[in-house]
C-alpha atoms as a PDB file:
ATOM      1  CA  UNK A   1      -5.975 110.419 -68.738  1.00  0.00           C
ATOM      2  CA  UNK A   2      -5.973 107.243 -66.583  1.00  0.00           C
ATOM      3  CA  UNK A   3      -2.899 106.505 -64.599  1.00  0.00           C
ATOM      4  CA  UNK A   4      -1.261 103.131 -65.028  1.00  0.00           C
ATOM      5  CA  UNK A   5      -0.107 101.161 -62.021  1.00  0.00           C
ATOM      6  CA  UNK A   6       3.621 101.258 -61.403  1.00  0.00           C
ATOM      7  CA  UNK A   7       5.440  98.055 -62.236  1.00  0.00           C
ATOM      8  CA  UNK A   8       6.518  97.698 -58.612  1.00  0.00           C
ATOM      9  CA  UNK A   9       2.894  97.403 -57.507  1.00  0.00           C
ATOM     10  CA  UNK A  10       2.217  94.620 -60.013  1.00  0.00           C
ATOM     11  CA  UNK A  11       5.318  92.742 -58.877  1.00  0.00           C
ATOM     12  CA  UNK A  12       4.288  93.199 -55.264  1.00  0.00           C
ATOM     13  CA  UNK A  13       0.813  91.801 -55.964  1.00  0.00           C
ATOM     14  CA  UNK A  14       2.319  88.844 -57.796  1.00  0.00           C
ATOM     15  CA  UNK A  15       4.742  88.154 -54.935  1.00  0.00           C
ATOM     16  CA  UNK A  16       1.891  88.310 -52.436  1.00  0.00           C
ATOM     17  CA  UNK A  17      -0.263  85.982 -54.560  1.00  0.00           C
ATOM     18  CA  UNK A  18       2.586  83.469 -54.849  1.00  0.00           C
ATOM     19  CA  UNK A  19       3.174  83.664 -51.093  1.00  0.00           C
ATOM     20  CA  UNK A  20      -0.479  82.930 -50.375  1.00  0.00           C
ATOM     21  CA  UNK A  21      -0.507  80.120 -52.944  1.00  0.00           C
ATOM     22  CA  UNK A  22       2.607  78.563 -51.385  1.00  0.00           C
ATOM     23  CA  UNK A  23       1.081  78.708 -47.923  1.00  0.00           C
ATOM     24  CA  UNK A  24      -2.168  77.217 -49.193  1.00  0.00           C
ATOM     25  CA  UNK A  25      -0.346  74.300 -50.826  1.00  0.00           C
ATOM     26  CA  UNK A  26       1.620  73.766 -47.630  1.00  0.00           C
ATOM     27  CA  UNK A  27      -1.525  73.818 -45.516  1.00  0.00           C
ATOM     28  CA  UNK A  28      -3.328  71.330 -47.752  1.00  0.00           C
ATOM     29  CA  UNK A  29      -0.610  68.982 -48.989  1.00  0.00           C
ATOM     30  CA  UNK A  30       1.906  69.377 -46.177  1.00  0.00           C
ATOM     31  CA  UNK A  31      -0.814  69.049 -43.559  1.00  0.00           C
ATOM     32  CA  UNK A  32      -2.101  65.892 -45.168  1.00  0.00           C
ATOM     33  CA  UNK A  33       1.387  64.425 -45.455  1.00  0.00           C
ATOM     34  CA  UNK A  34       2.247  65.222 -41.836  1.00  0.00           C
ATOM     35  CA  UNK A  35      -1.065  63.802 -40.626  1.00  0.00           C
ATOM     36  CA  UNK A  36      -0.700  60.628 -42.701  1.00  0.00           C
ATOM     37  CA  UNK A  37       2.862  60.021 -41.527  1.00  0.00           C
ATOM     38  CA  UNK A  38       1.871  60.606 -37.919  1.00  0.00           C
ATOM     39  CA  UNK A  39      -1.071  58.228 -38.218  1.00  0.00           C
ATOM     40  CA  UNK A  40       1.043  55.508 -39.802  1.00  0.00           C
ATOM     41  CA  UNK A  41       3.819  55.947 -37.255  1.00  0.00           C
ATOM     42  CA  UNK A  42       1.524  55.857 -34.242  1.00  0.00           C
ATOM     43  CA  UNK A  43      -0.389  52.877 -35.622  1.00  0.00           C
ATOM     44  CA  UNK A  44       2.888  51.046 -36.076  1.00  0.00           C
ATOM     45  CA  UNK A  45       4.757  52.019 -32.908  1.00  0.00           C
ATOM     46  CA  UNK A  46       2.200  52.395 -30.127  1.00  0.00           C
ATOM     47  CA  UNK A  47       2.273  49.426 -27.748  1.00  0.00           C
ATOM     48  CA  UNK A  48      -1.480  48.900 -27.976  1.00  0.00           C
ATOM     49  CA  UNK A  49      -3.683  46.406 -29.753  1.00  0.00           C
ATOM     50  CA  UNK A  50      -3.710  47.176 -33.486  1.00  0.00           C
ATOM     51  CA  UNK A  51      -7.236  48.646 -33.606  1.00  0.00           C
ATOM     52  CA  UNK A  52      -6.609  50.961 -30.659  1.00  0.00           C
ATOM     53  CA  UNK A  53      -3.254  52.093 -32.068  1.00  0.00           C
ATOM     54  CA  UNK A  54      -4.873  52.948 -35.399  1.00  0.00           C
ATOM     55  CA  UNK A  55      -7.671  54.851 -33.665  1.00  0.00           C
ATOM     56  CA  UNK A  56      -5.187  56.800 -31.545  1.00  0.00           C
ATOM     57  CA  UNK A  57      -3.194  57.638 -34.653  1.00  0.00           C
ATOM     58  CA  UNK A  58      -6.293  58.797 -36.500  1.00  0.00           C
ATOM     59  CA  UNK A  59      -7.372  61.001 -33.612  1.00  0.00           C
ATOM     60  CA  UNK A  60      -3.915  62.520 -33.446  1.00  0.00           C
ATOM     61  CA  UNK A  61      -3.913  63.192 -37.177  1.00  0.00           C
ATOM     62  CA  UNK A  62      -6.693  65.762 -36.860  1.00  0.00           C
ATOM     63  CA  UNK A  63      -4.605  67.808 -34.451  1.00  0.00           C
ATOM     64  CA  UNK A  64      -1.500  67.531 -36.638  1.00  0.00           C
ATOM     65  CA  UNK A  65      -3.358  68.598 -39.779  1.00  0.00           C
ATOM     66  CA  UNK A  66      -4.900  71.595 -38.040  1.00  0.00           C
ATOM     67  CA  UNK A  67      -1.550  72.570 -36.517  1.00  0.00           C
ATOM     68  CA  UNK A  68       0.240  72.533 -39.879  1.00  0.00           C
ATOM     69  CA  UNK A  69      -2.581  74.498 -41.536  1.00  0.00           C
ATOM     70  CA  UNK A  70      -2.504  77.173 -38.830  1.00  0.00           C
ATOM     71  CA  UNK A  71       1.288  77.228 -38.775  1.00  0.00           C
ATOM     72  CA  UNK A  72       1.445  77.731 -42.567  1.00  0.00           C
ATOM     73  CA  UNK A  73      -0.291  81.089 -42.228  1.00  0.00           C
ATOM     74  CA  UNK A  74       1.031  82.130 -38.815  1.00  0.00           C
ATOM     75  CA  UNK A  75       4.750  82.395 -39.549  1.00  0.00           C
ATOM     76  CA  UNK A  76       6.342  85.480 -41.068  1.00  0.00           C
ATOM     77  CA  UNK A  77       7.790  83.759 -44.152  1.00  0.00           C
ATOM     78  CA  UNK A  78       6.432  80.840 -46.142  1.00  0.00           C
ATOM     79  CA  UNK A  79       9.928  79.385 -46.500  1.00  0.00           C
ATOM     80  CA  UNK A  80      10.147  79.015 -42.731  1.00  0.00           C
ATOM     81  CA  UNK A  81       6.864  77.105 -42.669  1.00  0.00           C
ATOM     82  CA  UNK A  82       8.079  74.805 -45.457  1.00  0.00           C
ATOM     83  CA  UNK A  83      11.350  74.238 -43.628  1.00  0.00           C
ATOM     84  CA  UNK A  84       9.789  73.291 -40.290  1.00  0.00           C
ATOM     85  CA  UNK A  85       7.174  71.085 -41.891  1.00  0.00           C
ATOM     86  CA  UNK A  86       9.908  69.200 -43.733  1.00  0.00           C
ATOM     87  CA  UNK A  87      11.927  68.963 -40.498  1.00  0.00           C
ATOM     88  CA  UNK A  88       8.904  67.212 -38.994  1.00  0.00           C
ATOM     89  CA  UNK A  89       8.043  64.991 -41.986  1.00  0.00           C
ATOM     90  CA  UNK A  90      11.392  63.794 -43.345  1.00  0.00           C
ATOM     91  CA  UNK A  91      12.710  62.035 -40.196  1.00  0.00           C
ATOM     92  CA  UNK A  92       9.270  60.584 -39.518  1.00  0.00           C
ATOM     93  CA  UNK A  93       9.075  59.239 -43.080  1.00  0.00           C
ATOM     94  CA  UNK A  94      12.595  57.817 -42.839  1.00  0.00           C
ATOM     95  CA  UNK A  95      11.884  56.101 -39.521  1.00  0.00           C
ATOM     96  CA  UNK A  96       8.624  54.699 -40.836  1.00  0.00           C
ATOM     97  CA  UNK A  97      10.327  53.425 -43.983  1.00  0.00           C
ATOM     98  CA  UNK A  98      13.102  51.777 -41.993  1.00  0.00           C
ATOM     99  CA  UNK A  99      10.668  50.170 -39.570  1.00  0.00           C
ATOM    100  CA  UNK A 100       8.650  48.724 -42.430  1.00  0.00           C
ATOM    101  CA  UNK A 101      11.591  47.479 -44.485  1.00  0.00           C
ATOM    102  CA  UNK A 102      13.719  45.916 -41.777  1.00  0.00           C
ATOM    103  CA  UNK A 103      16.241  48.664 -41.266  1.00  0.00           C
ATOM    104  CA  UNK A 104      17.976  48.747 -37.942  1.00  0.00           C
ATOM    105  CA  UNK A 105      17.305  45.334 -36.425  1.00  0.00           C
END
């Protein structure tokens, strides 16, 4: 008679699969968002000619994307990775929005 898997094992596998899926989404989407915001911010705020500022921002974006992707799988909990990625992205997005739409002076 075959033994059926306990329900706790199935729930554990589902929790693990959701954790990996969450980290994968963070690595892909969060990494892209962080890299894009960094590129736009550096291109806008670096005191260089426009072409050089854009190139510096693009070069920096590769490091940011890789850092977020590694960080997504390196931390103990996925919620911590989501939190710190949002701590990085939200103020950067707000500052970029304000600088583009005349906020502040």
